[in-house]
Amino acid sequence: MDIQKIQFYKSSFDLIAKTIKDDENRDVEVWYARELQQVLGYARWENFVVTIGRAMDSCKTLGINVDDHFREVTSTFRARFYAYSLCQLSDCSKRRP
């Protein structure tokens, strides 16, 4: 991915990031899947779910606990790295500049 695309996605991710409190009252940065779906150019939720599954599989392959980073997958992603991994695994034909 070239630097222009990286900057575009970073600013797009920053615009839709939310902050919630975790169980220990700490701030946690999250993204809502439906908003990421739009940023990544997916018109249909069913197609985006496939990408979410690939991102979860990548976590498992790396030995990372999926539950720590994907909460109620239909709604929230908890870590910037995993939101970015969705970008990497998304359909390139749907990506914007």
Protein backbone atom coordinates (compact mmCIF):
# COMPACT_ATOMS: atom_id res chain seq x y z
CA MET A 1 0.00 0.00 0.00
CA ASP A 2 1.45 3.38 -0.92
CA ILE A 3 1.89 6.27 1.52
CA GLN A 4 -1.11 8.19 0.13
CA LYS A 5 -3.46 5.26 0.77
CA ILE A 6 -2.01 4.72 4.24
CA GLN A 7 -2.58 8.39 5.11
CA PHE A 8 -6.12 8.25 3.71
CA TYR A 9 -7.04 5.21 5.80
CA LYS A 10 -5.36 6.54 8.95
CA SER A 11 -7.29 9.79 8.77
CA SER A 12 -10.50 7.90 7.94
CA PHE A 13 -9.96 5.56 10.90
CA ASP A 14 -9.22 8.51 13.19
CA LEU A 15 -12.47 10.22 12.17
CA ILE A 16 -14.65 7.24 13.09
CA ALA A 17 -12.78 6.10 16.23
CA LYS A 18 -14.80 6.08 19.43
CA THR A 19 -13.68 5.85 23.05
CA ILE A 20 -15.47 3.64 25.56
CA LYS A 21 -14.70 2.52 29.11
CA ASP A 22 -13.60 -1.06 29.70
CA ASP A 23 -14.52 -3.19 32.72
CA GLU A 24 -11.77 -1.49 34.74
CA ASN A 25 -12.94 2.00 33.74
CA ARG A 26 -10.01 2.60 31.35
CA ASP A 27 -10.47 4.32 28.00
CA VAL A 28 -10.44 1.94 25.03
CA GLU A 29 -10.39 3.10 21.41
CA VAL A 30 -12.95 1.22 19.27
CA TRP A 31 -14.45 1.24 15.80
CA TYR A 32 -17.94 0.19 14.78
CA ALA A 33 -17.94 -2.43 12.06
CA ARG A 34 -20.71 -0.76 10.08
CA GLU A 35 -18.65 2.44 9.89
CA LEU A 36 -15.50 0.54 8.88
CA GLN A 37 -17.57 -1.20 6.24
CA GLN A 38 -18.28 2.17 4.64
CA VAL A 39 -14.70 3.45 4.93
CA LEU A 40 -13.44 0.31 3.20
CA GLY A 41 -16.04 0.58 0.44
CA TYR A 42 -18.21 -2.46 1.13
CA ALA A 43 -21.82 -1.93 0.04
CA ARG A 44 -23.06 -5.24 1.45
CA TRP A 45 -22.62 -6.37 5.04
CA GLU A 46 -22.50 -10.02 3.94
CA ASN A 47 -19.33 -9.34 1.94
CA PHE A 48 -17.70 -7.43 4.78
CA VAL A 49 -18.35 -10.29 7.23
CA VAL A 50 -16.02 -12.45 5.11
CA THR A 51 -13.23 -9.89 5.63
CA ILE A 52 -13.94 -9.77 9.36
CA GLY A 53 -13.60 -13.56 9.45
CA ARG A 54 -10.22 -13.38 7.70
CA ALA A 55 -9.01 -10.76 10.19
CA MET A 56 -10.11 -12.99 13.08
CA ASP A 57 -8.34 -15.97 11.49
CA SER A 58 -5.17 -13.86 11.20
CA CYS A 59 -5.35 -13.11 14.93
CA LYS A 60 -5.73 -16.80 15.75
CA THR A 61 -2.77 -17.68 13.50
CA LEU A 62 -0.63 -15.14 15.36
CA GLY A 63 -1.74 -16.59 18.71
CA ILE A 64 -3.69 -13.47 19.64
CA ASN A 65 -6.90 -13.84 21.63
CA VAL A 66 -9.69 -12.78 19.28
CA ASP A 67 -11.96 -11.89 22.20
CA ASP A 68 -9.50 -9.19 23.26
CA HIS A 69 -9.87 -7.36 19.94
CA PHE A 70 -13.24 -8.22 18.42
CA ARG A 71 -16.20 -7.53 20.66
CA GLU A 72 -19.64 -8.31 19.37
CA VAL A 73 -18.21 -8.45 15.88
CA THR A 74 -21.35 -7.04 14.35
CA SER A 75 -20.65 -3.78 16.14
CA THR A 76 -17.20 -3.04 17.56
CA PHE A 77 -13.46 -3.53 16.99
CA ARG A 78 -11.25 -2.79 19.97
CA ALA A 79 -7.76 -2.25 18.65
CA ARG A 80 -6.33 0.00 15.96
CA PHE A 81 -4.05 -2.79 14.70
CA TYR A 82 -7.02 -5.02 13.99
CA ALA A 83 -9.01 -2.26 12.37
CA TYR A 84 -5.98 -1.72 10.12
CA SER A 85 -5.75 -5.46 9.45
CA LEU A 86 -9.28 -5.29 8.07
CA CYS A 87 -8.05 -2.64 5.69
CA GLN A 88 -5.20 -4.89 4.56
CA LEU A 89 -7.52 -7.89 4.09
CA SER A 90 -10.32 -5.99 2.39
CA ASP A 91 -11.10 -6.29 -1.30
CA CYS A 92 -8.61 -4.06 -3.13
CA SER A 93 -11.14 -3.22 -5.82
CA LYS A 94 -13.27 -1.45 -3.23
CA ARG A 95 -10.49 0.73 -1.84
CA ARG A 96 -10.49 4.45 -2.36
CA PRO A 97 -7.36 6.52 -3.13
